[in-house]
Protein backbone atom coordinates (compact mmCIF):
# COMPACT_ATOMS: atom_id res chain seq x y z
CA MET A 1 0.14 0.08 0.05
CA PHE A 2 2.80 2.44 1.05
CA SER A 3 4.69 1.82 -2.44
CA LEU A 4 1.59 2.23 -4.16
CA LEU A 5 0.80 5.63 -2.66
CA LEU A 6 4.26 6.80 -3.00
CA LEU A 7 4.19 6.03 -6.80
CA VAL A 8 1.11 7.92 -7.15
CA LEU A 9 2.60 10.83 -5.17
CA ILE A 10 5.71 10.75 -7.43
CA ILE A 11 3.77 10.56 -10.46
CA PHE A 12 1.45 13.40 -9.61
CA LEU A 13 4.32 15.82 -8.45
CA LEU A 14 6.22 14.95 -11.62
CA THR A 15 3.07 15.57 -13.77
CA LEU A 16 2.32 18.98 -11.90
CA ILE A 17 5.88 19.81 -12.47
CA GLY A 18 5.74 19.19 -16.15
CA VAL A 19 2.23 21.06 -16.74
CA ILE A 20 3.55 23.98 -15.05
CA VAL A 21 6.71 24.16 -16.87
CA PHE A 22 5.21 23.40 -20.26
CA PHE A 23 2.28 25.99 -20.15
CA LYS A 24 4.22 28.62 -18.96
CA ASN A 25 5.68 28.77 -22.45
CA PRO A 26 4.46 25.84 -24.74
CA LYS A 27 6.18 27.18 -28.01
CA ASN A 28 9.48 27.28 -26.23
CA LYS A 29 11.61 24.31 -27.48
CA ILE A 30 13.36 24.01 -24.30
CA ASN A 31 9.80 23.63 -22.30
CA GLN A 32 8.72 21.32 -24.92
CA TYR A 33 11.95 19.06 -24.62
CA PHE A 34 11.77 19.43 -20.87
CA GLY A 35 8.08 18.38 -20.93
CA LEU A 36 9.14 15.24 -22.91
CA THR A 37 11.74 14.56 -20.72
CA ILE A 38 9.26 14.25 -17.95
CA PHE A 39 6.75 12.56 -19.86
CA PHE A 40 9.03 9.54 -20.78
CA GLY A 41 10.53 9.73 -17.36
CA ILE A 42 6.89 8.92 -15.77
CA LEU A 43 6.36 6.06 -18.40
CA TRP A 44 9.89 4.64 -17.22
CA ILE A 45 8.89 4.82 -13.46
CA LEU A 46 5.77 3.39 -14.28
CA SER A 47 7.02 0.39 -16.11
CA ASN A 48 9.96 -0.26 -13.83
CA TYR A 49 7.40 -0.42 -10.98
CA PHE A 50 5.04 -3.03 -12.60
CA GLU A 51 7.82 -5.33 -13.99
CA ASN A 52 8.45 -5.96 -10.38
CA GLU A 53 4.88 -6.25 -9.07
CA PRO A 54 3.07 -9.63 -8.49
CA ILE A 55 1.01 -9.69 -11.66
CA SER A 56 0.68 -11.76 -14.60
CA GLU A 57 4.14 -12.68 -16.18
CA ILE A 58 3.24 -11.88 -19.50
CA TYR A 59 2.43 -8.11 -18.28
CA ARG A 60 5.78 -8.17 -16.45
CA ILE A 61 7.62 -9.04 -19.36
CA PHE A 62 5.88 -6.21 -21.32
CA PHE A 63 6.73 -3.60 -18.59
CA LEU A 64 10.48 -4.72 -18.62
CA LYS A 65 10.94 -4.21 -22.39
CA PHE A 66 8.89 -1.03 -22.06
CA ASP A 67 11.19 -0.12 -19.44
CA PHE A 68 14.19 -0.30 -22.07
CA ALA A 69 12.24 1.33 -24.61
CA SER A 70 11.13 4.32 -22.88
CA ALA A 71 14.57 4.83 -21.29
CA ILE A 72 15.85 5.35 -24.56
CA LEU A 73 13.38 8.34 -25.46
CA LEU A 74 14.03 9.62 -21.83
CA VAL A 75 17.74 10.13 -22.37
CA LEU A 76 17.17 11.17 -26.09
CA PHE A 77 15.00 14.42 -24.62
CA PHE A 78 17.29 14.62 -21.56
CA TYR A 79 20.22 15.20 -24.22
CA LEU A 80 18.14 17.46 -26.49
CA PHE A 81 17.33 19.79 -23.38
CA CYS A 82 20.95 20.13 -22.18
CA GLN A 83 22.37 20.84 -25.40
CA ASN A 84 19.79 23.78 -25.64
CA PHE A 85 19.29 24.89 -22.20
CA PRO A 86 19.53 27.99 -21.62
CA LYS A 87 19.57 29.32 -24.93
CA LEU A 88 18.49 27.21 -27.95
CA LYS A 89 21.35 26.06 -30.25
CA PHE A 90 21.10 25.29 -34.02
CA PHE A 91 21.61 21.67 -34.92
CA PRO A 92 22.09 20.77 -38.72
CA LEU A 93 19.31 18.74 -40.09
CA LYS A 94 21.39 15.55 -40.71
CA TYR A 95 22.50 15.58 -37.03
CA LYS A 96 18.87 15.68 -35.82
CA ILE A 97 17.73 13.04 -38.46
CA THR A 98 20.40 10.69 -37.21
CA ILE A 99 19.83 11.07 -33.67
CA TYR A 100 16.30 10.76 -33.96
CA PHE A 101 16.56 7.84 -36.26
CA LEU A 102 18.77 5.84 -33.87
CA ALA A 103 16.44 6.77 -30.87
CA SER A 104 13.58 5.43 -32.79
CA LEU A 105 15.27 2.39 -33.99
CA LEU A 106 16.25 1.17 -30.44
CA PHE A 107 12.93 2.19 -29.14
CA ILE A 108 11.27 -0.31 -31.49
CA LEU A 109 14.35 -2.77 -30.94
CA SER A 110 13.77 -2.67 -27.37
CA PHE A 111 10.38 -4.91 -28.02
CA SER A 112 12.75 -7.67 -29.79
CA ASP A 113 15.14 -9.92 -28.49
CA LEU A 114 18.14 -7.68 -29.97
CA ILE A 115 18.42 -5.56 -26.71
CA ILE A 116 17.40 -8.14 -23.80
CA LYS A 117 16.39 -11.88 -24.45
CA ASN A 118 15.46 -15.01 -22.52
CA ILE A 119 13.40 -13.39 -19.76
CA TYR A 120 12.64 -15.71 -16.87
CA PHE A 121 11.75 -15.44 -13.10
CA GLU A 122 13.91 -16.27 -10.00
CA ASN A 123 12.36 -16.20 -6.73
CA THR A 124 9.57 -13.71 -8.32
CA THR A 125 12.45 -11.51 -9.53
CA ILE A 126 12.58 -10.94 -13.18
CA GLN A 127 15.89 -11.66 -14.90
CA PHE A 128 17.23 -11.73 -18.49
CA THR A 129 20.27 -11.94 -20.57
CA ARG A 130 21.95 -9.45 -22.88
CA GLY A 131 20.85 -9.40 -26.64
CA SER A 132 23.10 -8.91 -29.34
CA LEU A 133 22.73 -5.17 -29.39
CA PHE A 134 22.53 -4.55 -25.96
CA TRP A 135 25.93 -2.60 -25.70
CA ILE A 136 24.95 -0.35 -28.55
CA TYR A 137 21.93 0.44 -26.49
CA PHE A 138 23.76 0.82 -23.59
CA SER A 139 26.62 3.13 -25.54
CA PHE A 140 23.50 5.30 -26.77
CA ILE A 141 22.35 5.70 -23.24
CA LEU A 142 25.77 6.61 -22.11
CA PHE A 143 26.15 9.13 -25.10
CA CYS A 144 23.05 10.77 -24.10
CA ILE A 145 23.78 11.12 -20.46
CA GLY A 146 27.43 11.86 -20.57
CA GLY A 147 27.18 14.21 -23.87
CA GLY A 148 24.21 16.30 -21.82
CA LEU A 149 26.02 16.78 -18.62
CA LYS A 150 29.40 17.39 -20.44
CA ASN A 151 27.66 20.25 -22.52
CA LEU A 152 25.97 21.79 -19.27
CA ILE A 153 29.37 21.73 -17.38
CA SER A 154 31.05 23.33 -20.56
CA LYS A 155 28.34 25.99 -20.65
CA TYR A 156 28.35 26.38 -16.96
CA LYS A 157 32.18 27.48 -17.14
CA GLN A 158 31.73 29.85 -19.91
CA SER A 159 28.37 31.57 -18.68
CA ARG A 160 28.18 34.32 -16.14
CA GLY A 161 25.28 35.97 -14.05
CA VAL A 162 21.66 34.56 -14.42
CA GLU A 163 22.78 32.01 -17.12
CA ARG A 164 25.65 30.56 -14.81
CA LEU A 165 22.91 29.94 -11.69
CA GLN A 166 20.20 28.27 -14.38
CA ILE A 167 22.80 25.89 -15.43
CA LEU A 168 24.05 25.22 -11.71
CA TYR A 169 20.45 24.40 -10.53
CA VAL A 170 20.07 21.78 -13.26
CA LEU A 171 23.50 20.34 -12.48
CA LEU A 172 22.68 20.01 -8.64
CA GLY A 173 19.32 18.18 -9.75
CA ALA A 174 21.55 15.72 -11.96
CA ALA A 175 24.12 15.43 -9.08
CA ILE A 176 21.32 14.37 -6.53
CA ILE A 177 20.26 11.66 -8.84
CA ILE A 178 23.88 10.46 -9.22
CA VAL A 179 24.37 10.49 -5.67
CA ILE A 180 21.24 8.48 -4.82
CA ALA A 181 20.78 6.46 -7.63
CA THR A 182 24.40 5.07 -8.30
CA PRO A 183 24.81 3.31 -4.79
CA LEU A 184 21.25 2.12 -4.60
CA ASN A 185 20.77 0.81 -8.09
CA LEU A 186 24.30 0.14 -9.62
CA ILE A 187 27.03 -0.44 -6.55
CA LEU A 188 25.31 -2.01 -3.37
CA PRO A 189 23.07 -4.60 -5.20
CA GLN A 190 26.55 -6.19 -6.41
CA VAL A 191 27.50 -6.53 -2.85
CA ILE A 192 24.42 -7.11 -0.48
CA PHE A 193 20.74 -7.44 -0.90
CA ILE A 194 18.87 -4.31 -1.42
CA PRO A 195 15.17 -4.44 -0.64
CA LEU A 196 12.74 -3.26 -3.53
CA GLU A 197 11.10 -0.51 -1.74
CA ILE A 198 14.55 1.13 -1.18
CA ALA A 199 16.11 0.37 -4.68
CA ARG A 200 12.87 2.39 -6.02
CA MET A 201 14.37 5.47 -3.94
CA GLY A 202 17.11 5.76 -6.87
CA ILE A 203 14.66 5.83 -9.73
CA TYR A 204 12.48 8.12 -7.78
CA SER A 205 15.30 10.73 -7.61
CA PHE A 206 14.42 11.57 -10.88
CA LEU A 207 12.00 13.99 -9.15
CA PHE A 208 14.69 16.02 -7.95
CA PHE A 209 16.03 16.63 -11.30
CA CYS A 210 12.99 17.77 -12.43
CA PHE A 211 12.35 19.90 -9.37
CA PHE A 212 15.59 22.00 -9.78
CA THR A 213 15.21 22.33 -13.45
CA ALA A 214 11.83 23.49 -13.31
CA LEU A 215 13.27 26.25 -10.97
CA ALA A 216 16.07 26.81 -13.57
CA ILE A 217 13.73 27.31 -16.54
CA THR A 218 11.01 29.48 -14.92
CA ARG A 219 13.41 31.37 -12.73
CA TYR A 220 11.32 30.87 -9.54
CA HIS A 221 13.34 32.11 -6.54
CA LEU A 222 16.36 31.59 -8.65
CA PHE A 223 18.74 34.12 -6.14
CA GLY A 224 16.79 32.45 -2.80
CA ILE A 225 17.96 29.15 -2.51
CA GLU A 226 16.98 29.53 1.17
CA VAL A 227 13.26 29.88 0.05
CA ILE A 228 13.65 26.80 -2.38
CA LEU A 229 15.14 24.19 0.34
CA THR A 230 12.46 25.52 3.06
CA GLU A 231 9.79 25.08 0.59
CA ALA A 232 11.30 21.61 -0.36
CA LEU A 233 11.60 20.48 3.06
CA VAL A 234 8.11 21.33 4.13
CA GLY A 235 7.05 19.61 1.05
CA ALA A 236 8.74 16.59 1.50
CA ILE A 237 7.43 16.37 5.35
CA GLY A 238 4.20 17.13 4.27
CA ILE A 239 4.26 14.22 1.69
CA LEU A 240 5.12 11.84 4.28
CA LEU A 241 2.62 13.04 6.66
CA ILE A 242 0.00 12.44 4.23
CA VAL A 243 1.34 8.88 3.52
CA GLN A 244 0.95 8.47 7.27
CA ILE A 245 -2.06 9.26 7.45
CA PHE A 246 -3.48 6.84 4.59
CA THR A 247 -1.35 4.10 6.16
CA ALA A 248 -2.30 4.19 9.43
CA PRO A 249 -3.40 0.95 11.40
CA THR A 250 -6.81 2.41 12.89
CA PHE A 251 -9.15 5.39 12.58
CA TRP A 252 -8.35 7.27 15.20
CA TRP A 253 -4.56 7.14 14.44
CA ARG A 254 -5.58 8.74 11.28
CA ILE A 255 -7.49 11.24 13.08
CA VAL A 256 -4.30 11.60 15.12
CA ASN A 257 -2.27 12.07 11.94
CA GLY A 258 -4.68 14.48 10.18
CA ILE A 259 -4.48 16.80 13.24
CA ILE A 260 -0.54 16.62 13.20
CA PHE A 261 -0.61 17.49 9.28
CA VAL A 262 -3.00 20.34 9.85
CA LEU A 263 -0.56 21.80 12.42
CA PHE A 264 2.44 21.16 10.37
CA CYS A 265 0.67 23.14 7.19
CA ILE A 266 0.40 26.17 9.59
CA PHE A 267 3.58 26.42 10.75
CA GLY A 268 5.38 25.46 7.51
CA TYR A 269 3.36 28.10 6.06
CA LEU A 270 4.77 30.36 8.97
CA LEU A 271 8.25 29.00 8.32
CA ILE A 272 8.24 29.67 4.56
CA ARG A 273 6.63 33.01 4.68
CA SER A 274 9.52 34.27 7.45
CA VAL A 275 12.18 32.88 5.32
CA PHE A 276 10.83 34.50 1.93
CA LYS A 277 10.18 37.89 3.73
CA GLU A 278 13.94 37.85 4.95
CA MET A 279 15.02 36.91 1.67
CA LYS A 280 13.20 39.92 0.11
CA LEU A 281 14.45 42.27 2.60
CA ARG A 282 18.16 41.27 1.82
CA GLU A 283 17.59 41.45 -1.95
CA GLU A 284 16.20 44.93 -1.59
CA THR A 285 19.18 45.58 0.78
CA GLU A 286 21.68 44.55 -1.93
CA LYS A 287 19.84 46.35 -4.69
CA ILE A 288 20.09 49.68 -2.84
CA SER A 289 23.78 48.55 -2.24
CA GLN A 290 24.42 48.06 -5.85
CA ALA A 291 22.73 51.38 -6.79
CA LYS A 292 24.46 53.37 -4.32
CA THR A 293 27.78 51.93 -5.65
CA GLU A 294 26.89 52.26 -9.22
CA PHE A 295 26.21 55.95 -8.45
CA ILE A 296 29.31 56.51 -6.85
CA SER A 297 31.27 55.01 -9.70
CA ILE A 298 29.52 57.07 -12.42
CA ALA A 299 29.80 60.41 -10.11
CA SER A 300 33.62 59.62 -9.82
CA HIS A 301 34.10 59.00 -13.54
CA GLN A 302 32.34 62.26 -14.10
CA LEU A 303 34.50 64.00 -11.48
CA ARG A 304 37.79 62.74 -12.97
CA THR A 305 37.75 64.84 -16.20
CA PRO A 306 37.28 68.32 -14.79
CA LEU A 307 39.97 67.41 -11.69
CA SER A 308 42.34 66.48 -14.24
CA ALA A 309 41.87 69.68 -16.25
CA ILE A 310 42.22 71.54 -13.17
CA LYS A 311 45.46 70.11 -12.46
CA GLY A 312 46.72 70.42 -15.89
CA TYR A 313 45.83 74.47 -15.71
CA LEU A 314 47.30 74.91 -12.15
CA SER A 315 50.30 73.32 -13.31
CA MET A 316 51.01 75.40 -16.03
CA ILE A 317 50.23 78.40 -14.10
CA LEU A 318 52.45 77.39 -11.19
CA GLU A 319 55.31 76.79 -13.89
CA GLY A 320 54.99 80.35 -15.28
CA SER A 321 53.27 79.33 -18.54
CA TYR A 322 50.96 82.43 -18.13
CA GLY A 323 53.37 84.85 -16.59
CA THR A 324 55.03 85.43 -13.06
CA LEU A 325 52.76 85.07 -10.18
CA PRO A 326 53.11 87.44 -7.14
CA GLU A 327 54.47 85.29 -4.09
CA LYS A 328 51.25 85.41 -2.47
CA VAL A 329 49.22 84.28 -5.09
CA LYS A 330 51.57 81.55 -5.83
CA GLU A 331 51.40 80.42 -2.16
CA LYS A 332 47.59 80.46 -2.54
CA MET A 333 47.80 78.64 -6.05
CA GLU A 334 49.93 75.77 -4.35
CA LYS A 335 47.52 75.21 -1.72
CA VAL A 336 44.66 75.14 -4.18
CA PHE A 337 47.00 72.58 -6.23
CA GLN A 338 47.34 70.47 -3.08
CA SER A 339 43.71 70.46 -2.51
CA ASN A 340 43.17 69.27 -6.04
CA GLU A 341 45.62 66.47 -5.84
CA ARG A 342 43.75 65.08 -2.55
CA LEU A 343 40.41 65.55 -4.30
CA ILE A 344 41.90 63.34 -7.43
CA LYS A 345 43.09 60.76 -4.76
CA LEU A 346 39.80 60.42 -3.10
CA VAL A 347 38.09 60.01 -6.55
CA ASN A 348 40.46 57.34 -7.25
CA ASP A 349 39.92 55.74 -3.92
CA ILE A 350 36.08 55.56 -4.41
CA LEU A 351 36.58 54.14 -7.95
CA SER A 352 38.89 51.58 -6.72
CA VAL A 353 36.32 50.52 -3.88
CA SER A 354 33.41 50.76 -6.38
CA LYS A 355 35.48 48.39 -8.68
CA ILE A 356 36.18 46.09 -5.72
CA GLU A 357 32.48 45.74 -4.51
CA VAL A 358 31.26 44.98 -8.29
CA GLY A 359 34.11 42.27 -8.83
CA GLU A 360 35.62 44.48 -11.57
CA MET A 361 38.99 45.05 -10.32
CA GLU A 362 41.24 43.36 -12.81
CA MET A 363 44.69 41.82 -12.12
CA SER A 364 47.83 42.23 -13.94
CA LEU A 365 50.48 39.59 -12.60
CA GLU A 366 54.24 39.46 -13.16
CA LYS A 367 57.25 38.32 -11.55
CA GLU A 368 58.52 41.36 -9.81
CA ASP A 369 61.31 42.00 -6.94
CA LEU A 370 59.70 43.68 -3.93
CA ARG A 371 63.01 45.53 -2.87
CA GLU A 372 62.81 47.40 -5.96
CA ILE A 373 59.14 48.51 -5.31
CA ILE A 374 59.96 49.38 -1.57
CA LYS A 375 63.14 51.31 -2.68
CA GLU A 376 61.16 53.34 -5.24
CA VAL A 377 58.54 54.00 -2.63
CA ILE A 378 61.11 55.29 0.11
CA SER A 379 63.06 57.49 -2.70
CA GLU A 380 59.64 59.12 -3.39
CA LEU A 381 58.87 59.83 0.12
CA SER A 382 62.34 60.67 1.63
CA VAL A 383 61.61 64.37 1.16
CA LYS A 384 58.42 64.23 3.12
CA ALA A 385 60.26 62.39 6.22
CA LYS A 386 63.07 64.88 5.87
CA GLU A 387 60.84 67.52 5.93
CA LYS A 388 59.50 66.32 9.49
CA ASN A 389 63.12 65.35 10.30
CA LEU A 390 62.21 61.69 10.53
CA TYR A 391 64.37 58.95 9.70
CA LEU A 392 63.21 56.48 6.80
CA LYS A 393 65.22 53.46 6.83
CA PHE A 394 65.11 49.99 4.69
CA GLU A 395 66.09 46.82 6.24
CA GLU A 396 67.05 44.96 2.92
CA PRO A 397 67.70 41.28 2.76
CA LYS A 398 70.67 39.92 0.77
CA GLU A 399 68.72 37.51 -1.48
CA ILE A 400 65.01 37.46 -2.04
CA PRO A 401 62.82 35.62 -4.62
CA LYS A 402 60.77 37.52 -7.45
CA ILE A 403 56.90 36.57 -6.51
CA LEU A 404 53.85 36.63 -9.15
CA ILE A 405 52.03 40.26 -8.04
CA ASP A 406 50.37 43.26 -9.79
CA ARG A 407 53.10 45.76 -9.52
CA GLU A 408 50.96 48.86 -9.22
CA LYS A 409 48.41 47.47 -6.50
CA ILE A 410 51.48 46.31 -4.20
CA ARG A 411 53.00 49.37 -4.90
CA GLN A 412 49.96 51.47 -3.95
CA VAL A 413 49.48 49.21 -0.62
CA ILE A 414 53.28 49.93 0.40
CA LEU A 415 53.00 53.62 -0.44
CA ASN A 416 49.84 53.98 1.58
CA LEU A 417 51.17 52.18 4.63
CA ILE A 418 54.77 54.34 4.79
CA ASP A 419 52.79 57.30 3.67
CA ASN A 420 50.68 56.79 6.84
CA ALA A 421 53.50 55.99 8.97
CA ILE A 422 55.46 59.23 8.04
CA ARG A 423 52.08 61.20 8.46
CA TYR A 424 51.15 60.06 11.79
CA THR A 425 54.70 60.14 13.39
CA GLN A 426 56.31 63.44 14.87
CA GLU A 427 59.39 62.16 16.30
CA GLY A 428 61.87 59.48 15.58
CA GLY A 429 60.97 57.81 12.20
CA VAL A 430 60.18 54.80 10.06
CA LYS A 431 61.51 51.42 9.24
CA VAL A 432 60.79 48.83 6.66
CA LYS A 433 62.07 45.35 6.83
CA LEU A 434 61.36 42.68 4.27
CA GLN A 435 61.86 39.07 5.17
CA ILE A 436 60.91 35.65 4.52
CA VAL A 437 58.71 34.00 7.18
CA ASN A 438 57.20 30.51 7.10
CA ASN A 439 57.52 30.75 3.11
CA ARG A 440 55.92 33.91 2.76
CA LEU A 441 57.33 37.23 2.02
CA GLN A 442 56.91 39.65 5.12
CA ILE A 443 56.86 43.63 4.83
CA ALA A 444 56.86 44.94 8.21
CA ILE A 445 56.61 48.64 8.51
CA SER A 446 57.13 50.09 11.85
CA ASP A 447 57.09 53.79 13.34
CA THR A 448 57.45 55.43 16.47
CA GLY A 449 54.13 57.52 16.27
CA GLU A 450 50.69 57.74 17.93
CA GLY A 451 50.29 53.80 18.16
CA LEU A 452 46.66 52.32 18.08
CA SER A 453 44.16 51.32 20.80
CA LYS A 454 42.34 47.81 20.93
CA GLU A 455 39.46 49.59 19.41
CA GLU A 456 41.19 51.25 16.71
CA LYS A 457 42.91 47.99 15.79
CA GLU A 458 39.58 46.07 15.48
CA LYS A 459 38.15 48.41 13.02
CA LEU A 460 41.30 49.80 11.40
CA PHE A 461 40.54 48.25 7.82
CA GLU A 462 36.94 49.30 7.48
CA ARG A 463 35.57 51.37 4.88
CA PHE A 464 35.33 55.12 5.99
CA SER A 465 37.23 54.01 9.37
CA ARG A 466 39.59 56.53 10.81
CA GLY A 467 41.49 56.50 14.28
CA THR A 468 41.89 59.37 16.77
CA ALA A 469 45.53 60.12 15.09
CA GLY A 470 43.98 60.32 11.68
CA ALA A 471 41.49 63.02 12.78
CA LYS A 472 44.41 64.67 14.89
CA PHE A 473 47.09 64.98 11.88
CA TRP A 474 45.32 64.77 8.92
CA VAL A 475 41.54 66.11 8.69
CA GLU A 476 41.47 65.67 4.87
CA GLY A 477 41.81 62.02 5.14
CA ALA A 478 38.52 59.79 3.85
CA GLY A 479 39.33 56.42 5.72
CA LEU A 480 39.72 54.29 2.53
CA GLY A 481 43.27 53.87 1.94
CA LEU A 482 43.77 50.77 4.54
CA TYR A 483 40.53 49.11 3.30
CA ILE A 484 42.00 49.35 -0.37
CA ALA A 485 45.13 48.07 0.85
CA LYS A 486 43.58 45.07 2.59
CA LYS A 487 41.61 44.00 -0.58
CA PHE A 488 44.35 44.43 -2.75
CA VAL A 489 46.59 42.10 -0.63
CA GLU A 490 43.52 39.46 -0.16
CA MET A 491 43.24 39.64 -3.94
CA HIS A 492 46.91 38.40 -3.99
CA LYS A 493 45.88 35.47 -1.29
CA GLY A 494 47.88 37.71 1.09
CA LYS A 495 47.44 38.99 4.75
CA ILE A 496 47.56 42.41 6.16
CA TRP A 497 47.40 43.47 9.93
CA ALA A 498 48.41 45.90 12.46
CA GLU A 499 50.35 45.68 15.97
CA SER A 500 50.58 48.29 18.49
CA GLU A 501 51.43 48.15 22.40
CA GLY A 502 49.07 51.10 22.68
CA LYS A 503 48.63 54.78 22.54
CA GLY A 504 51.68 56.60 22.15
CA LYS A 505 53.84 53.58 21.51
CA GLY A 506 54.00 53.00 17.78
CA SER A 507 52.57 50.55 15.43
CA THR A 508 53.68 48.11 12.90
CA PHE A 509 51.85 47.09 9.67
CA PHE A 510 52.54 43.61 8.56
CA VAL A 511 51.93 42.45 4.80
CA GLU A 512 52.40 39.01 3.92
CA LEU A 513 52.33 37.77 0.27
CA PRO A 514 52.86 34.08 -0.91
CA ILE A 515 56.11 33.15 -2.64
CA LYS A 516 54.47 30.68 -4.64
């Protein structure tokens, strides 16, 4: 009784999925191929069920042969679906005729003795021997399944965004079939006896493929896997409770199971609704965040052109291209130039943050010598250190391997850290040390400056985060430099952190990059 009820439920759910997807767009080839895959899948499941039931041997033999015949058309339309999903693919007419002809021929031959023969019964179990064309039949099955999955995996690697997610859902459904059916129907029966009811679960796992593929085609909650899994779990438990109602031994047990089912439906509905609300709220937050990032990116791009033009004209004025300036005017113009430079840096930082957050930051990796980059940065900032009467030392190792990095990004990280160390140090100086630690190149930038409190260290690498020293010594800063530095280092599979014994005791910033 239980196995029959389960079969009816599986067939009902498969039919429901097929009808919903097909009638969503009946003229679409993808929907048609999927609908036919489900149709022949239902026939395959039914024939497999009845060939193992205690009915007339003539009928069991017929269902066994129909099992083999329907499997051919099932894998054929699975293959055609995989070839055309998520976008229709053009096939030459000769190719279509060939594959349809082979499938039709094997379908017809499945009812002969060329695929399976000498059908007999052993302890009520139906058995057979392989016919002369069995391996051709088997090869066609493997070609359709293997070719379909190979095509999906290839398209998954090449696709992006929604299409990539759609293909992932189909592959997830196929993976579930493989994980359930392979041990239950292929591996374990060769070693131990598997009860028929358990073995059928491998065949019924076809439902999972259809479920996830239907989600991919209709794009239902495509980006909300939590809602889908919650609905699937609630649905599965609901089905089990329904089966329990019909298989209860007494009338009163059916009443009890019915009450449990009603209560479960209420709580299940509330659970799905709460998960859906949470997902919608997160989606709205992500949309707002994305809109903000896009706005900042566009605004920053619009600012770059006039700022560059202002820089050019100011530079020409200061160089005397438009005549000699009075000292007072020149002094003011230099301040304007410096303010413009800070604004250009801020715009560039905002653009970098925008690119990082939308995943558009590109890497240009080459083998580089970190010593050369550090020396270049120190040379650039040495004048700034001298103006504050600070020492700027580099503890250089004798030998150091070249590593694969994006030179400009790592240079920006080092420049930012040394520049900050000089900016926030009033007495003493800055020391840069390069060494190998645990098969990684480590850059340590130590200063005798303001130091960091425990609270500052925790928020140091966050966006728009500034310590008390930053507010005290450089009010123009935006708090983006260390955030960008952290992201650049992480893009290199590296690590960045800061250490300090406390306020007024200086600080050390570490950057570690992998050698290989």
